[in-house]
Protein backbone atom coordinates (compact mmCIF):
# COMPACT_ATOMS: atom_id res chain seq x y z
CA THR A 1 104.84 114.28 83.80
CA LEU A 2 103.76 113.51 80.28
CA PHE A 3 104.75 116.20 77.80
CA PRO A 4 102.52 116.09 74.69
CA TYR A 5 105.06 117.38 72.18
CA THR A 6 108.63 117.31 71.04
CA THR A 7 110.51 119.59 68.64
CA LEU A 8 113.36 117.21 67.83
CA PHE A 9 111.76 113.94 66.78
CA ARG A 10 108.47 112.26 66.20
CA SER A 11 106.86 110.64 69.23
CA LEU A 12 103.96 108.23 69.57
CA VAL A 13 101.89 108.22 72.74
CA LYS A 14 99.13 105.61 73.15
CA VAL A 15 96.65 106.25 75.94
CA PRO A 16 93.00 105.26 76.57
CA GLN A 17 90.39 107.69 75.23
CA GLU A 18 88.93 108.10 78.73
CA PHE A 19 92.33 109.31 79.89
CA LEU A 20 92.23 112.10 77.28
CA ASP A 21 88.58 112.97 77.86
CA MET A 22 88.52 113.01 81.65
CA GLY A 23 92.09 113.56 82.82
CA THR A 24 93.15 116.31 85.20
CA TYR A 25 95.92 118.27 83.49
CA PRO A 26 98.88 118.37 83.64
CA ILE A 27 98.98 114.58 83.81
CA ILE A 28 101.36 113.19 86.45
CA VAL A 29 102.02 109.46 86.63
CA ASP A 30 102.01 108.05 90.19
CA PRO A 31 102.32 111.44 91.95
CA THR A 32 103.68 111.66 95.47
CA PHE A 33 103.48 114.07 98.39
CA GLY A 34 105.80 114.31 101.34
CA TYR A 35 109.60 114.12 101.28
CA THR A 36 110.97 111.40 99.01
CA SER A 37 114.68 111.84 99.80
CA GLN A 38 116.58 110.09 102.57
CA GLY A 39 117.46 112.71 105.15
CA GLY A 40 120.87 112.97 106.74
CA THR A 41 119.74 113.21 110.38
CA ASP A 42 117.99 110.81 112.76
CA SER A 43 114.65 111.61 114.37
CA VAL A 44 113.77 109.39 117.35
CA LEU A 45 110.31 107.83 117.11
CA CYS A 46 110.40 105.64 120.25
CA GLY A 47 111.15 107.56 123.43
CA SER A 48 111.64 106.17 126.89
CA ALA A 49 108.04 106.85 127.85
CA SER A 50 106.11 107.52 124.66
CA ASP A 51 105.63 106.76 120.99
CA ASN A 52 106.31 109.55 118.53
CA LYS A 53 105.18 110.34 115.00
CA VAL A 54 106.40 112.65 112.26
CA ALA A 55 104.31 113.95 109.39
CA MET A 56 104.55 115.90 106.13
CA ARG A 57 101.84 118.12 104.63
CA ALA A 58 100.59 118.73 101.11
CA ASP A 59 97.82 121.03 99.85
CA SER A 60 95.15 120.49 97.17
CA ILE A 61 95.56 116.70 97.02
CA ALA A 62 92.89 114.28 95.77
CA GLY A 63 93.05 110.67 94.66
CA ILE A 64 93.45 107.07 95.73
CA LEU A 65 96.20 106.62 98.33
CA THR A 66 98.13 103.50 97.27
CA ASN A 67 101.31 103.52 99.35
CA ILE A 68 103.10 105.24 102.23
CA SER A 69 106.88 104.90 102.44
CA ALA A 70 109.51 106.09 104.91
CA TYR A 71 113.25 105.80 105.43
CA ILE A 72 113.54 104.01 108.77
CA LYS A 73 116.09 102.05 110.78
CA THR A 74 116.83 100.72 114.25
CA GLN A 75 119.50 102.35 116.36
CA ASN A 76 122.73 100.40 115.79
CA GLY A 77 120.64 97.43 114.59
CA ALA A 78 120.35 96.40 118.22
CA SER A 79 116.82 95.03 118.21
CA ASN A 80 113.50 95.11 116.42
CA ALA A 81 111.51 98.31 116.07
CA ASP A 82 107.81 98.55 115.22
CA TYR A 83 106.37 101.17 112.89
CA ARG A 84 103.00 102.23 111.50
CA MET A 85 102.16 104.41 108.47
CA GLU A 86 99.14 106.77 108.62
CA GLU A 87 97.29 109.44 106.64
CA PHE A 88 95.44 112.40 108.18
CA PRO A 89 93.24 115.21 106.89
CA ASP A 90 94.28 118.70 107.91
CA SER A 91 92.85 120.35 111.01
CA SER A 92 93.93 123.96 111.65
CA ASN A 93 97.27 123.41 109.86
CA LYS A 94 98.02 120.22 111.79
CA PRO A 95 97.14 116.54 111.31
CA GLY A 96 93.55 115.87 112.37
CA THR A 97 91.88 112.52 113.07
CA VAL A 98 93.55 109.60 111.32
CA GLU A 99 91.74 108.50 108.13
CA ALA A 100 93.94 105.64 106.91
CA GLN A 101 96.15 103.47 109.12
CA GLY A 102 98.49 100.68 108.10
CA ALA A 103 99.26 97.55 110.05
CA GLN A 104 102.01 97.53 112.66
CA THR A 105 105.20 96.21 111.05
CA THR A 106 108.54 95.18 112.54
CA TYR A 107 111.88 96.18 111.08
CA ASN A 108 115.37 95.20 112.22
CA GLY A 109 118.26 96.92 110.49
CA GLY A 110 121.00 99.29 111.55
CA SER A 111 121.07 101.18 108.23
CA TYR A 112 118.29 103.16 106.61
CA GLN A 113 115.92 101.30 104.30
CA LEU A 114 112.86 102.49 102.40
CA TRP A 115 109.95 100.74 104.14
CA SER A 116 106.46 100.78 102.59
CA THR A 117 102.86 99.94 103.44
CA SER A 118 100.10 99.48 100.84
CA PHE A 119 96.76 101.31 101.03
CA ASN A 120 93.58 101.69 99.02
CA PHE A 121 91.98 104.84 100.39
CA ASN A 122 90.10 107.59 98.56
CA MET A 123 91.42 110.98 99.69
CA ALA A 124 88.98 113.85 99.23
CA THR A 125 90.26 117.10 97.74
CA GLY A 126 92.07 119.15 100.36
CA THR A 127 95.14 119.33 102.57
CA HIS A 128 96.51 116.00 103.77
CA TRP A 129 99.30 114.77 106.04
CA VAL A 130 101.28 111.55 105.68
CA ALA A 131 102.98 110.14 108.76
CA VAL A 132 105.16 107.39 110.16
CA GLY A 133 105.12 106.49 113.84
CA GLY A 134 107.25 104.36 116.10
CA ILE A 135 105.62 101.91 118.51
CA LYS A 136 107.49 101.26 121.74
CA THR A 137 107.52 97.52 122.42
CA THR A 138 110.81 96.05 123.58
CA SER A 139 113.21 98.85 122.74
CA ASP A 140 113.70 102.55 122.15
CA ASN A 141 115.32 102.00 118.76
CA CYS A 142 112.89 103.49 116.21
CA ARG A 143 114.45 106.09 113.89
CA VAL A 144 113.30 108.00 110.79
CA ALA A 145 115.52 110.18 108.59
CA TYR A 146 114.98 113.90 108.07
CA ASP A 147 116.55 117.11 106.77
CA SER A 148 116.05 120.59 108.15
CA GLY A 149 115.38 123.67 106.05
CA GLY A 150 111.86 122.98 104.81
CA THR A 151 108.76 125.19 104.76
CA THR A 152 107.37 126.35 108.10
CA ASN A 153 104.24 124.41 109.18
CA TYR A 154 104.73 121.70 106.53
CA GLY A 155 106.37 119.31 108.97
CA ALA A 156 104.95 118.14 112.29
CA THR A 157 105.82 115.89 115.23
CA PHE A 158 103.58 114.09 117.71
CA ASP A 159 104.58 112.93 121.20
CA SER A 160 102.02 110.61 122.76
CA GLY A 161 103.23 111.72 126.17
CA ALA A 162 102.28 115.33 125.42
CA GLY A 163 99.30 114.22 123.32
CA SER A 164 99.52 116.93 120.67
CA TRP A 165 101.07 117.79 117.29
CA VAL A 166 103.72 120.51 117.01
CA ASN A 167 104.51 122.13 113.67
CA ASP A 168 108.04 122.66 112.38
CA SER A 169 109.95 123.13 109.12
CA ASN A 170 111.75 119.79 109.03
CA ARG A 171 111.54 117.57 105.95
CA TYR A 172 110.82 114.11 107.33
CA SER A 173 111.57 111.21 104.98
CA VAL A 174 108.01 109.94 104.65
CA TYR A 175 105.84 110.25 101.57
CA ALA A 176 102.65 108.96 99.97
CA THR A 177 102.06 107.64 96.46
CA TYR A 178 98.57 108.06 95.07
CA THR A 179 96.57 107.78 91.85
CA GLN A 180 94.88 110.92 90.64
CA THR A 181 91.14 110.64 90.16
CA PHE A 182 89.46 111.83 86.98
CA LYS A 183 87.56 114.99 87.80
CA THR A 184 86.47 116.98 84.81
CA SER A 185 86.40 117.03 81.05
CA LEU A 186 89.17 118.86 79.26
CA LYS A 187 88.10 122.35 78.22
CA GLY A 188 89.71 125.27 76.44
CA ASN A 189 92.34 125.34 73.75
CA ILE A 190 95.14 122.82 73.28
CA ASN A 191 98.32 123.78 71.45
CA LEU A 192 100.38 120.82 70.24
CA LYS A 193 103.82 121.54 68.83
CA GLY A 194 105.80 119.10 66.76
CA ASN A 195 104.55 115.75 65.52
CA VAL A 196 102.21 113.89 67.85
CA ASN A 197 100.09 110.85 67.00
CA LEU A 198 97.23 110.06 69.37
CA LYS A 199 95.44 106.77 68.64
């Protein structure tokens, strides 16, 4: 977050005029939604008969989706595991029909790594879900990290065998990075404290 003042020393912030005229305040640089920490527990994404997904929810999101990342690994590093990152709009407090889908990627590593897929998708204002899924190919080794103790209905899991999403309160280690879109001109009063030079 950019703070427009300081009380201890003089600061100089140089930004484009359009940024000042049309920015959505408060300004956040490269905001994220989802769970950015590496969880301490494994969630299995490739079952013996189905492919699973986990998702995290965020409300009142709008902007250009640029990246989806997740902490993933293979079980004991035994063999390759295939993953896919996805974004969904909300449908009755669960992920709806997929809007943005990354390519299937293969990872082989017995320890957790932050794995990312690039996107360029314009998300309309609303509630969105970001997800990572395991794709059963030659093994059952797909894993994603998570922590318990989150907010009810802000986590979700999908089992392709059951064919439906189930809400929970887990914090799955998958998150999206996006660029906020300029929405409206700045209105109202601005109070700047300290010494600020805007050029």
